[in-house]
PDB file of N, CA and C in Angstrom:
ATOM      1  N   SER A   1      -3.915 -13.442  14.182  1.00  0.00           N
ATOM      2  CA  SER A   1      -4.082 -13.554  12.743  1.00  0.00           C
ATOM      3  C   SER A   1      -2.714 -13.727  12.086  1.00  0.00           C
ATOM      4  N   SER A   2      -2.715 -14.278  10.916  1.00  0.00           N
ATOM      5  CA  SER A   2      -1.459 -14.525  10.208  1.00  0.00           C
ATOM      6  C   SER A   2      -0.945 -13.249   9.562  1.00  0.00           C
ATOM      7  N   GLY A   3       0.324 -13.300   9.158  1.00  0.00           N
ATOM      8  CA  GLY A   3       0.904 -12.157   8.471  1.00  0.00           C
ATOM      9  C   GLY A   3       0.166 -11.817   7.193  1.00  0.00           C
ATOM     10  N   VAL A   4      -0.288 -12.840   6.491  1.00  0.00           N
ATOM     11  CA  VAL A   4      -1.028 -12.616   5.241  1.00  0.00           C
ATOM     12  C   VAL A   4      -2.354 -11.901   5.530  1.00  0.00           C
ATOM     13  N   GLU A   5      -3.065 -12.349   6.560  1.00  0.00           N
ATOM     14  CA  GLU A   5      -4.335 -11.693   6.911  1.00  0.00           C
ATOM     15  C   GLU A   5      -4.106 -10.247   7.331  1.00  0.00           C
ATOM     16  N   THR A   6      -3.033  -9.998   8.058  1.00  0.00           N
ATOM     17  CA  THR A   6      -2.687  -8.632   8.451  1.00  0.00           C
ATOM     18  C   THR A   6      -2.435  -7.777   7.221  1.00  0.00           C
ATOM     19  N   MET A   7      -1.705  -8.315   6.258  1.00  0.00           N
ATOM     20  CA  MET A   7      -1.404  -7.570   5.041  1.00  0.00           C
ATOM     21  C   MET A   7      -2.667  -7.282   4.248  1.00  0.00           C
ATOM     22  N   ILE A   8      -3.583  -8.236   4.184  1.00  0.00           N
ATOM     23  CA  ILE A   8      -4.847  -8.022   3.469  1.00  0.00           C
ATOM     24  C   ILE A   8      -5.656  -6.936   4.169  1.00  0.00           C
ATOM     25  N   ASN A   9      -5.735  -6.988   5.495  1.00  0.00           N
ATOM     26  CA  ASN A   9      -6.465  -5.963   6.243  1.00  0.00           C
ATOM     27  C   ASN A   9      -5.856  -4.581   6.029  1.00  0.00           C
ATOM     28  N   LEU A  10      -4.538  -4.499   6.061  1.00  0.00           N
ATOM     29  CA  LEU A  10      -3.878  -3.216   5.831  1.00  0.00           C
ATOM     30  C   LEU A  10      -4.121  -2.712   4.411  1.00  0.00           C
ATOM     31  N   ALA A  11      -4.111  -3.614   3.442  1.00  0.00           N
ATOM     32  CA  ALA A  11      -4.388  -3.211   2.055  1.00  0.00           C
ATOM     33  C   ALA A  11      -5.799  -2.651   1.940  1.00  0.00           C
ATOM     34  N   ASN A  12      -6.760  -3.287   2.599  1.00  0.00           N
ATOM     35  CA  ASN A  12      -8.134  -2.773   2.582  1.00  0.00           C
ATOM     36  C   ASN A  12      -8.199  -1.380   3.208  1.00  0.00           C
ATOM     37  N   MET A  13      -7.524  -1.215   4.339  1.00  0.00           N
ATOM     38  CA  MET A  13      -7.516   0.098   5.000  1.00  0.00           C
ATOM     39  C   MET A  13      -6.836   1.144   4.120  1.00  0.00           C
ATOM     40  N   MET A  14      -5.733   0.775   3.494  1.00  0.00           N
ATOM     41  CA  MET A  14      -4.997   1.731   2.664  1.00  0.00           C
ATOM     42  C   MET A  14      -5.814   2.189   1.465  1.00  0.00           C
ATOM     43  N   GLU A  15      -6.560   1.278   0.882  1.00  0.00           N
ATOM     44  CA  GLU A  15      -7.387   1.665  -0.263  1.00  0.00           C
ATOM     45  C   GLU A  15      -8.452   2.678   0.167  1.00  0.00           C
ATOM     46  N   ALA A  16      -9.077   2.438   1.312  1.00  0.00           N
ATOM     47  CA  ALA A  16     -10.095   3.369   1.822  1.00  0.00           C
ATOM     48  C   ALA A  16      -9.459   4.702   2.212  1.00  0.00           C
ATOM     49  N   THR A  17      -8.301   4.659   2.819  1.00  0.00           N
ATOM     50  CA  THR A  17      -7.633   5.886   3.251  1.00  0.00           C
ATOM     51  C   THR A  17      -7.160   6.703   2.055  1.00  0.00           C
ATOM     52  N   ALA A  18      -6.686   6.042   1.009  1.00  0.00           N
ATOM     53  CA  ALA A  18      -6.275   6.757  -0.202  1.00  0.00           C
ATOM     54  C   ALA A  18      -7.454   7.516  -0.793  1.00  0.00           C
ATOM     55  N   ALA A  19      -8.633   6.907  -0.758  1.00  0.00           N
ATOM     56  CA  ALA A  19      -9.837   7.594  -1.257  1.00  0.00           C
ATOM     57  C   ALA A  19     -10.154   8.814  -0.393  1.00  0.00           C
ATOM     58  N   LYS A  20      -9.987   8.680   0.928  1.00  0.00           N
ATOM     59  CA  LYS A  20     -10.248   9.809   1.835  1.00  0.00           C
ATOM     60  C   LYS A  20      -9.245  10.937   1.634  1.00  0.00           C
ATOM     61  N   ALA A  21      -8.026  10.609   1.247  1.00  0.00           N
ATOM     62  CA  ALA A  21      -6.969  11.611   1.088  1.00  0.00           C
ATOM     63  C   ALA A  21      -7.122  12.441  -0.179  1.00  0.00           C
ATOM     64  N   LYS A  22      -7.966  11.983  -1.106  1.00  0.00           N
ATOM     65  CA  LYS A  22      -8.156  12.721  -2.360  1.00  0.00           C
ATOM     66  C   LYS A  22      -8.775  14.082  -2.064  1.00  0.00           C
ATOM     67  N   GLY A  23      -8.308  15.067  -2.798  1.00  0.00           N
ATOM     68  CA  GLY A  23      -8.825  16.421  -2.655  1.00  0.00           C
ATOM     69  C   GLY A  23      -8.142  17.211  -1.553  1.00  0.00           C
ATOM     70  N   GLY A  24      -7.281  16.546  -0.797  1.00  0.00           N
ATOM     71  CA  GLY A  24      -6.613  17.225   0.307  1.00  0.00           C
ATOM     72  C   GLY A  24      -5.337  17.912  -0.136  1.00  0.00           C
ATOM     73  N   LYS A  25      -4.630  18.418   0.881  1.00  0.00           N
ATOM     74  CA  LYS A  25      -3.376  19.111   0.600  1.00  0.00           C
ATOM     75  C   LYS A  25      -2.447  18.937   1.790  1.00  0.00           C
ATOM     76  N   GLY A  26      -1.167  18.703   1.500  1.00  0.00           N
ATOM     77  CA  GLY A  26      -0.181  18.570   2.557  1.00  0.00           C
ATOM     78  C   GLY A  26      -0.345  17.278   3.332  1.00  0.00           C
ATOM     79  N   VAL A  27       0.225  17.276   4.533  1.00  0.00           N
ATOM     80  CA  VAL A  27       0.130  16.091   5.379  1.00  0.00           C
ATOM     81  C   VAL A  27      -1.088  16.260   6.282  1.00  0.00           C
ATOM     82  N   ASP A  28      -2.257  16.078   5.684  1.00  0.00           N
ATOM     83  CA  ASP A  28      -3.496  16.125   6.450  1.00  0.00           C
ATOM     84  C   ASP A  28      -3.690  14.770   7.141  1.00  0.00           C
ATOM     85  N   THR A  29      -4.765  14.627   7.875  1.00  0.00           N
ATOM     86  CA  THR A  29      -4.986  13.408   8.659  1.00  0.00           C
ATOM     87  C   THR A  29      -5.009  12.160   7.787  1.00  0.00           C
ATOM     88  N   ALA A  30      -5.744  12.192   6.682  1.00  0.00           N
ATOM     89  CA  ALA A  30      -5.848  11.011   5.820  1.00  0.00           C
ATOM     90  C   ALA A  30      -4.487  10.665   5.208  1.00  0.00           C
ATOM     91  N   PHE A  31      -3.744  11.669   4.784  1.00  0.00           N
ATOM     92  CA  PHE A  31      -2.430  11.427   4.186  1.00  0.00           C
ATOM     93  C   PHE A  31      -1.481  10.825   5.227  1.00  0.00           C
ATOM     94  N   ASP A  32      -1.509  11.351   6.446  1.00  0.00           N
ATOM     95  CA  ASP A  32      -0.674  10.830   7.518  1.00  0.00           C
ATOM     96  C   ASP A  32      -1.061   9.395   7.854  1.00  0.00           C
ATOM     97  N   ASP A  33      -2.373   9.115   7.891  1.00  0.00           N
ATOM     98  CA  ASP A  33      -2.840   7.747   8.143  1.00  0.00           C
ATOM     99  C   ASP A  33      -2.339   6.794   7.064  1.00  0.00           C
ATOM    100  N   LEU A  34      -2.424   7.221   5.802  1.00  0.00           N
ATOM    101  CA  LEU A  34      -1.951   6.389   4.690  1.00  0.00           C
ATOM    102  C   LEU A  34      -0.456   6.118   4.831  1.00  0.00           C
ATOM    103  N   HIS A  35       0.295   7.118   5.183  1.00  0.00           N
ATOM    104  CA  HIS A  35       1.731   6.979   5.380  1.00  0.00           C
ATOM    105  C   HIS A  35       2.022   5.942   6.472  1.00  0.00           C
ATOM    106  N   ASN A  36       1.319   6.040   7.595  1.00  0.00           N
ATOM    107  CA  ASN A  36       1.522   5.098   8.701  1.00  0.00           C
ATOM    108  C   ASN A  36       1.087   3.680   8.323  1.00  0.00           C
ATOM    109  N   GLN A  37      -0.013   3.560   7.590  1.00  0.00           N
ATOM    110  CA  GLN A  37      -0.483   2.239   7.153  1.00  0.00           C
ATOM    111  C   GLN A  37       0.516   1.604   6.193  1.00  0.00           C
ATOM    112  N   PHE A  38       1.123   2.415   5.348  1.00  0.00           N
ATOM    113  CA  PHE A  38       2.111   1.891   4.407  1.00  0.00           C
ATOM    114  C   PHE A  38       3.323   1.348   5.160  1.00  0.00           C
ATOM    115  N   HIS A  39       3.759   2.051   6.192  1.00  0.00           N
ATOM    116  CA  HIS A  39       4.863   1.538   7.017  1.00  0.00           C
ATOM    117  C   HIS A  39       4.459   0.229   7.697  1.00  0.00           C
ATOM    118  N   ALA A  40       3.238   0.168   8.201  1.00  0.00           N
ATOM    119  CA  ALA A  40       2.765  -1.061   8.855  1.00  0.00           C
ATOM    120  C   ALA A  40       2.721  -2.220   7.861  1.00  0.00           C
ATOM    121  N   LEU A  41       2.286  -1.940   6.636  1.00  0.00           N
ATOM    122  CA  LEU A  41       2.252  -2.984   5.607  1.00  0.00           C
ATOM    123  C   LEU A  41       3.664  -3.480   5.314  1.00  0.00           C
ATOM    124  N   SER A  42       4.603  -2.576   5.187  1.00  0.00           N
ATOM    125  CA  SER A  42       5.986  -2.978   4.927  1.00  0.00           C
ATOM    126  C   SER A  42       6.503  -3.872   6.054  1.00  0.00           C
ATOM    127  N   ASP A  43       6.187  -3.511   7.291  1.00  0.00           N
ATOM    128  CA  ASP A  43       6.599  -4.326   8.440  1.00  0.00           C
ATOM    129  C   ASP A  43       5.915  -5.688   8.437  1.00  0.00           C
ATOM    130  N   ALA A  44       4.682  -5.750   7.941  1.00  0.00           N
ATOM    131  CA  ALA A  44       3.907  -6.995   7.946  1.00  0.00           C
ATOM    132  C   ALA A  44       4.496  -8.055   7.013  1.00  0.00           C
ATOM    133  N   PHE A  45       5.309  -7.646   6.063  1.00  0.00           N
ATOM    134  CA  PHE A  45       5.931  -8.616   5.162  1.00  0.00           C
ATOM    135  C   PHE A  45       6.794  -9.607   5.938  1.00  0.00           C
ATOM    136  N   CYS A  46       7.255  -9.203   7.114  1.00  0.00           N
ATOM    137  CA  CYS A  46       8.068 -10.097   7.953  1.00  0.00           C
ATOM    138  C   CYS A  46       7.224 -11.194   8.600  1.00  0.00           C
ATOM    139  N   GLY A  47       5.901 -11.064   8.564  1.00  0.00           N
ATOM    140  CA  GLY A  47       5.019 -12.006   9.237  1.00  0.00           C
ATOM    141  C   GLY A  47       4.591 -13.198   8.407  1.00  0.00           C
ATOM    142  N   VAL A  48       5.087 -13.320   7.182  1.00  0.00           N
ATOM    143  CA  VAL A  48       4.722 -14.486   6.375  1.00  0.00           C
ATOM    144  C   VAL A  48       5.579 -15.673   6.788  1.00  0.00           C
ATOM    145  N   THR A  49       5.084 -16.848   6.525  1.00  0.00           N
ATOM    146  CA  THR A  49       5.838 -18.059   6.859  1.00  0.00           C
ATOM    147  C   THR A  49       6.980 -18.243   5.865  1.00  0.00           C
ATOM    148  N   ASP A  50       7.929 -19.084   6.238  1.00  0.00           N
ATOM    149  CA  ASP A  50       9.046 -19.380   5.331  1.00  0.00           C
ATOM    150  C   ASP A  50       8.543 -20.018   4.040  1.00  0.00           C
ATOM    151  N   ALA A  51       7.540 -20.886   4.162  1.00  0.00           N
ATOM    152  CA  ALA A  51       6.985 -21.538   2.969  1.00  0.00           C
ATOM    153  C   ALA A  51       6.323 -20.511   2.053  1.00  0.00           C
ATOM    154  N   GLN A  52       5.597 -19.573   2.628  1.00  0.00           N
ATOM    155  CA  GLN A  52       4.953 -18.541   1.814  1.00  0.00           C
ATOM    156  C   GLN A  52       5.989 -17.643   1.144  1.00  0.00           C
ATOM    157  N   ALA A  53       7.065 -17.347   1.852  1.00  0.00           N
ATOM    158  CA  ALA A  53       8.104 -16.463   1.316  1.00  0.00           C
ATOM    159  C   ALA A  53       8.842 -17.079   0.133  1.00  0.00           C
ATOM    160  N   LYS A  54       8.719 -18.385  -0.060  1.00  0.00           N
ATOM    161  CA  LYS A  54       9.406 -19.061  -1.160  1.00  0.00           C
ATOM    162  C   LYS A  54       8.529 -19.228  -2.401  1.00  0.00           C
ATOM    163  N   THR A  55       7.337 -18.643  -2.385  1.00  0.00           N
ATOM    164  CA  THR A  55       6.410 -18.803  -3.503  1.00  0.00           C
ATOM    165  C   THR A  55       6.561 -17.680  -4.527  1.00  0.00           C
ATOM    166  N   PRO A  56       6.173 -17.949  -5.774  1.00  0.00           N
ATOM    167  CA  PRO A  56       6.168 -16.890  -6.788  1.00  0.00           C
ATOM    168  C   PRO A  56       5.205 -15.752  -6.430  1.00  0.00           C
ATOM    169  N   ALA A  57       4.110 -16.072  -5.741  1.00  0.00           N
ATOM    170  CA  ALA A  57       3.156 -15.027  -5.351  1.00  0.00           C
ATOM    171  C   ALA A  57       3.813 -14.045  -4.382  1.00  0.00           C
ATOM    172  N   TYR A  58       4.626 -14.536  -3.468  1.00  0.00           N
ATOM    173  CA  TYR A  58       5.324 -13.653  -2.535  1.00  0.00           C
ATOM    174  C   TYR A  58       6.316 -12.770  -3.289  1.00  0.00           C
ATOM    175  N   ASP A  59       7.038 -13.350  -4.232  1.00  0.00           N
ATOM    176  CA  ASP A  59       7.978 -12.568  -5.039  1.00  0.00           C
ATOM    177  C   ASP A  59       7.251 -11.435  -5.761  1.00  0.00           C
ATOM    178  N   LEU A  60       6.067 -11.731  -6.299  1.00  0.00           N
ATOM    179  CA  LEU A  60       5.280 -10.706  -6.972  1.00  0.00           C
ATOM    180  C   LEU A  60       4.797  -9.656  -5.970  1.00  0.00           C
ATOM    181  N   ALA A  61       4.424 -10.082  -4.770  1.00  0.00           N
ATOM    182  CA  ALA A  61       3.993  -9.136  -3.732  1.00  0.00           C
ATOM    183  C   ALA A  61       5.126  -8.175  -3.383  1.00  0.00           C
ATOM    184  N   VAL A  62       6.346  -8.678  -3.311  1.00  0.00           N
ATOM    185  CA  VAL A  62       7.497  -7.821  -3.029  1.00  0.00           C
ATOM    186  C   VAL A  62       7.676  -6.804  -4.157  1.00  0.00           C
ATOM    187  N   THR A  63       7.482  -7.237  -5.382  1.00  0.00           N
ATOM    188  CA  THR A  63       7.570  -6.316  -6.518  1.00  0.00           C
ATOM    189  C   THR A  63       6.504  -5.229  -6.405  1.00  0.00           C
ATOM    190  N   HIS A  64       5.268  -5.612  -6.056  1.00  0.00           N
ATOM    191  CA  HIS A  64       4.208  -4.612  -5.863  1.00  0.00           C
ATOM    192  C   HIS A  64       4.589  -3.631  -4.760  1.00  0.00           C
ATOM    193  N   LYS A  65       5.168  -4.132  -3.682  1.00  0.00           N
ATOM    194  CA  LYS A  65       5.566  -3.253  -2.580  1.00  0.00           C
ATOM    195  C   LYS A  65       6.615  -2.247  -3.054  1.00  0.00           C
ATOM    196  N   LYS A  66       7.548  -2.690  -3.867  1.00  0.00           N
ATOM    197  CA  LYS A  66       8.572  -1.786  -4.397  1.00  0.00           C
ATOM    198  C   LYS A  66       7.952  -0.733  -5.312  1.00  0.00           C
ATOM    199  N   GLU A  67       6.974  -1.140  -6.115  1.00  0.00           N
ATOM    200  CA  GLU A  67       6.279  -0.184  -6.981  1.00  0.00           C
ATOM    201  C   GLU A  67       5.499   0.819  -6.139  1.00  0.00           C
ATOM    202  N   MET A  68       4.867   0.337  -5.060  1.00  0.00           N
ATOM    203  CA  MET A  68       4.123   1.229  -4.174  1.00  0.00           C
ATOM    204  C   MET A  68       5.064   2.234  -3.512  1.00  0.00           C
ATOM    205  N   THR A  69       6.266   1.795  -3.168  1.00  0.00           N
ATOM    206  CA  THR A  69       7.246   2.697  -2.561  1.00  0.00           C
ATOM    207  C   THR A  69       7.609   3.811  -3.531  1.00  0.00           C
ATOM    208  N   ALA A  70       7.848   3.462  -4.775  1.00  0.00           N
ATOM    209  CA  ALA A  70       8.184   4.470  -5.785  1.00  0.00           C
ATOM    210  C   ALA A  70       7.032   5.449  -5.977  1.00  0.00           C
ATOM    211  N   ILE A  71       5.808   4.930  -6.046  1.00  0.00           N
ATOM    212  CA  ILE A  71       4.640   5.795  -6.219  1.00  0.00           C
ATOM    213  C   ILE A  71       4.470   6.701  -4.997  1.00  0.00           C
ATOM    214  N   PHE A  72       4.649   6.134  -3.785  1.00  0.00           N
ATOM    215  CA  PHE A  72       4.459   6.945  -2.588  1.00  0.00           C
ATOM    216  C   PHE A  72       5.491   8.064  -2.497  1.00  0.00           C
ATOM    217  N   LYS A  73       6.711   7.800  -2.936  1.00  0.00           N
ATOM    218  CA  LYS A  73       7.731   8.858  -2.930  1.00  0.00           C
ATOM    219  C   LYS A  73       7.310  10.010  -3.835  1.00  0.00           C
ATOM    220  N   ARG A  74       6.754   9.688  -4.979  1.00  0.00           N
ATOM    221  CA  ARG A  74       6.250  10.732  -5.886  1.00  0.00           C
ATOM    222  C   ARG A  74       5.022  11.413  -5.282  1.00  0.00           C
ATOM    223  N   LEU A  75       4.164  10.642  -4.639  1.00  0.00           N
ATOM    224  CA  LEU A  75       2.996  11.195  -3.960  1.00  0.00           C
ATOM    225  C   LEU A  75       3.439  12.188  -2.889  1.00  0.00           C
ATOM    226  N   TRP A  76       4.462  11.824  -2.127  1.00  0.00           N
ATOM    227  CA  TRP A  76       4.966  12.719  -1.089  1.00  0.00           C
ATOM    228  C   TRP A  76       5.446  14.031  -1.705  1.00  0.00           C
ATOM    229  N   LYS A  77       6.128  13.913  -2.844  1.00  0.00           N
ATOM    230  CA  LYS A  77       6.629  15.116  -3.524  1.00  0.00           C
ATOM    231  C   LYS A  77       5.483  16.033  -3.932  1.00  0.00           C
ATOM    232  N   PHE A  78       4.360  15.457  -4.365  1.00  0.00           N
ATOM    233  CA  PHE A  78       3.234  16.240  -4.869  1.00  0.00           C
ATOM    234  C   PHE A  78       2.096  16.392  -3.858  1.00  0.00           C
ATOM    235  N   LYS A  79       2.381  16.164  -2.566  1.00  0.00           N
ATOM    236  CA  LYS A  79       1.314  16.196  -1.558  1.00  0.00           C
ATOM    237  C   LYS A  79       0.607  17.546  -1.487  1.00  0.00           C
ATOM    238  N   ASP A  80       1.275  18.621  -1.905  1.00  0.00           N
ATOM    239  CA  ASP A  80       0.687  19.957  -1.859  1.00  0.00           C
ATOM    240  C   ASP A  80       0.118  20.418  -3.197  1.00  0.00           C
ATOM    241  N   ASP A  81       0.277  19.627  -4.233  1.00  0.00           N
ATOM    242  CA  ASP A  81      -0.079  20.050  -5.591  1.00  0.00           C
ATOM    243  C   ASP A  81      -1.206  19.216  -6.172  1.00  0.00           C
ATOM    244  N   GLN A  82      -2.310  19.878  -6.491  1.00  0.00           N
ATOM    245  CA  GLN A  82      -3.405  19.220  -7.195  1.00  0.00           C
ATOM    246  C   GLN A  82      -3.255  19.560  -8.668  1.00  0.00           C
ATOM    247  N   PRO A  83      -3.560  18.710  -9.609  1.00  0.00           N
ATOM    248  CA  PRO A  83      -4.180  17.400  -9.472  1.00  0.00           C
ATOM    249  C   PRO A  83      -3.176  16.253  -9.321  1.00  0.00           C
ATOM    250  N   GLN A  84      -1.855  16.575  -9.251  1.00  0.00           N
ATOM    251  CA  GLN A  84      -0.855  15.509  -9.178  1.00  0.00           C
ATOM    252  C   GLN A  84      -1.058  14.617  -7.951  1.00  0.00           C
ATOM    253  N   ARG A  85      -1.424  15.218  -6.826  1.00  0.00           N
ATOM    254  CA  ARG A  85      -1.644  14.415  -5.613  1.00  0.00           C
ATOM    255  C   ARG A  85      -2.720  13.371  -5.858  1.00  0.00           C
ATOM    256  N   ASP A  86      -3.859  13.798  -6.383  1.00  0.00           N
ATOM    257  CA  ASP A  86      -4.963  12.861  -6.610  1.00  0.00           C
ATOM    258  C   ASP A  86      -4.614  11.810  -7.659  1.00  0.00           C
ATOM    259  N   GLN A  87      -3.865  12.197  -8.680  1.00  0.00           N
ATOM    260  CA  GLN A  87      -3.459  11.228  -9.699  1.00  0.00           C
ATOM    261  C   GLN A  87      -2.554  10.161  -9.097  1.00  0.00           C
ATOM    262  N   HIS A  88      -1.633  10.567  -8.239  1.00  0.00           N
ATOM    263  CA  HIS A  88      -0.754   9.603  -7.594  1.00  0.00           C
ATOM    264  C   HIS A  88      -1.504   8.760  -6.570  1.00  0.00           C
ATOM    265  N   LEU A  89      -2.495   9.332  -5.909  1.00  0.00           N
ATOM    266  CA  LEU A  89      -3.322   8.546  -4.990  1.00  0.00           C
ATOM    267  C   LEU A  89      -4.088   7.468  -5.753  1.00  0.00           C
ATOM    268  N   ASP A  90      -4.603   7.811  -6.931  1.00  0.00           N
ATOM    269  CA  ASP A  90      -5.305   6.821  -7.761  1.00  0.00           C
ATOM    270  C   ASP A  90      -4.353   5.691  -8.178  1.00  0.00           C
ATOM    271  N   LEU A  91      -3.166   6.063  -8.597  1.00  0.00           N
ATOM    272  CA  LEU A  91      -2.168   5.074  -9.010  1.00  0.00           C
ATOM    273  C   LEU A  91      -1.768   4.195  -7.825  1.00  0.00           C
ATOM    274  N   PHE A  92      -1.594   4.818  -6.655  1.00  0.00           N
ATOM    275  CA  PHE A  92      -1.231   4.070  -5.453  1.00  0.00           C
ATOM    276  C   PHE A  92      -2.341   3.089  -5.081  1.00  0.00           C
ATOM    277  N   ALA A  93      -3.592   3.542  -5.126  1.00  0.00           N
ATOM    278  CA  ALA A  93      -4.727   2.671  -4.784  1.00  0.00           C
ATOM    279  C   ALA A  93      -4.828   1.498  -5.756  1.00  0.00           C
ATOM    280  N   ALA A  94      -4.555   1.729  -7.032  1.00  0.00           N
ATOM    281  CA  ALA A  94      -4.587   0.643  -8.015  1.00  0.00           C
ATOM    282  C   ALA A  94      -3.503  -0.384  -7.695  1.00  0.00           C
ATOM    283  N   GLU A  95      -2.340   0.080  -7.284  1.00  0.00           N
ATOM    284  CA  GLU A  95      -1.256  -0.837  -6.933  1.00  0.00           C
ATOM    285  C   GLU A  95      -1.597  -1.601  -5.650  1.00  0.00           C
ATOM    286  N   VAL A  96      -2.282  -0.947  -4.718  1.00  0.00           N
ATOM    287  CA  VAL A  96      -2.726  -1.617  -3.486  1.00  0.00           C
ATOM    288  C   VAL A  96      -3.692  -2.757  -3.833  1.00  0.00           C
ATOM    289  N   ARG A  97      -4.608  -2.508  -4.764  1.00  0.00           N
ATOM    290  CA  ARG A  97      -5.556  -3.554  -5.185  1.00  0.00           C
ATOM    291  C   ARG A  97      -4.810  -4.745  -5.784  1.00  0.00           C
ATOM    292  N   GLU A  98      -3.826  -4.471  -6.634  1.00  0.00           N
ATOM    293  CA  GLU A  98      -3.047  -5.553  -7.238  1.00  0.00           C
ATOM    294  C   GLU A  98      -2.272  -6.327  -6.171  1.00  0.00           C
ATOM    295  N   LEU A  99      -1.718  -5.600  -5.200  1.00  0.00           N
ATOM    296  CA  LEU A  99      -1.001  -6.260  -4.107  1.00  0.00           C
ATOM    297  C   LEU A  99      -1.948  -7.160  -3.318  1.00  0.00           C
ATOM    298  N   ARG A 100      -3.137  -6.655  -2.989  1.00  0.00           N
ATOM    299  CA  ARG A 100      -4.087  -7.454  -2.212  1.00  0.00           C
ATOM    300  C   ARG A 100      -4.452  -8.728  -2.962  1.00  0.00           C
ATOM    301  N   GLU A 101      -4.704  -8.636  -4.254  1.00  0.00           N
ATOM    302  CA  GLU A 101      -5.036  -9.821  -5.050  1.00  0.00           C
ATOM    303  C   GLU A 101      -3.882 -10.828  -5.029  1.00  0.00           C
ATOM    304  N   THR A 102      -2.665 -10.334  -5.079  1.00  0.00           N
ATOM    305  CA  THR A 102      -1.491 -11.214  -5.043  1.00  0.00           C
ATOM    306  C   THR A 102      -1.356 -11.864  -3.677  1.00  0.00           C
ATOM    307  N   ILE A 103      -1.536 -11.093  -2.617  1.00  0.00           N
ATOM    308  CA  ILE A 103      -1.403 -11.617  -1.263  1.00  0.00           C
ATOM    309  C   ILE A 103      -2.457 -12.686  -0.974  1.00  0.00           C
ATOM    310  N   GLN A 104      -3.640 -12.504  -1.519  1.00  0.00           N
ATOM    311  CA  GLN A 104      -4.704 -13.491  -1.279  1.00  0.00           C
ATOM    312  C   GLN A 104      -4.313 -14.865  -1.815  1.00  0.00           C
ATOM    313  N   ARG A 105      -3.431 -14.914  -2.785  1.00  0.00           N
ATOM    314  CA  ARG A 105      -2.956 -16.198  -3.302  1.00  0.00           C
ATOM    315  C   ARG A 105      -1.997 -16.898  -2.334  1.00  0.00           C
ATOM    316  N   LEU A 106      -1.489 -16.162  -1.365  1.00  0.00           N
ATOM    317  CA  LEU A 106      -0.554 -16.741  -0.394  1.00  0.00           C
ATOM    318  C   LEU A 106      -1.272 -17.537   0.717  1.00  0.00           C
ATOM    319  N   LYS A 107      -2.551 -17.324   0.879  1.00  0.00           N
ATOM    320  CA  LYS A 107      -3.286 -17.967   1.974  1.00  0.00           C
ATOM    321  C   LYS A 107      -3.160 -19.463   1.962  1.00  0.00           C
TER     322      LYS A 107
END
């Protein structure tokens, strides 16, 4: 599969995992899975073609990834504190949806 398809699949998984992580505390299984999926998504950015990397959609995808990084850092800080954890998970999932929509334009 292409790098774009991998990124879309990871975005779908991350959205589902973020929903599973709601209501939890600390680095539980769902939170750890989300963390690992986020690293995999970051690595998947290297799998796009040179032509795709030169598009405005790719530039926007990179911006979404940077926003997701900032949100995840705050999520990590509040992983033990409710309701901040769930609020950051909601924000992270919304950013994942926006990223997926942007990536789909790269196909």
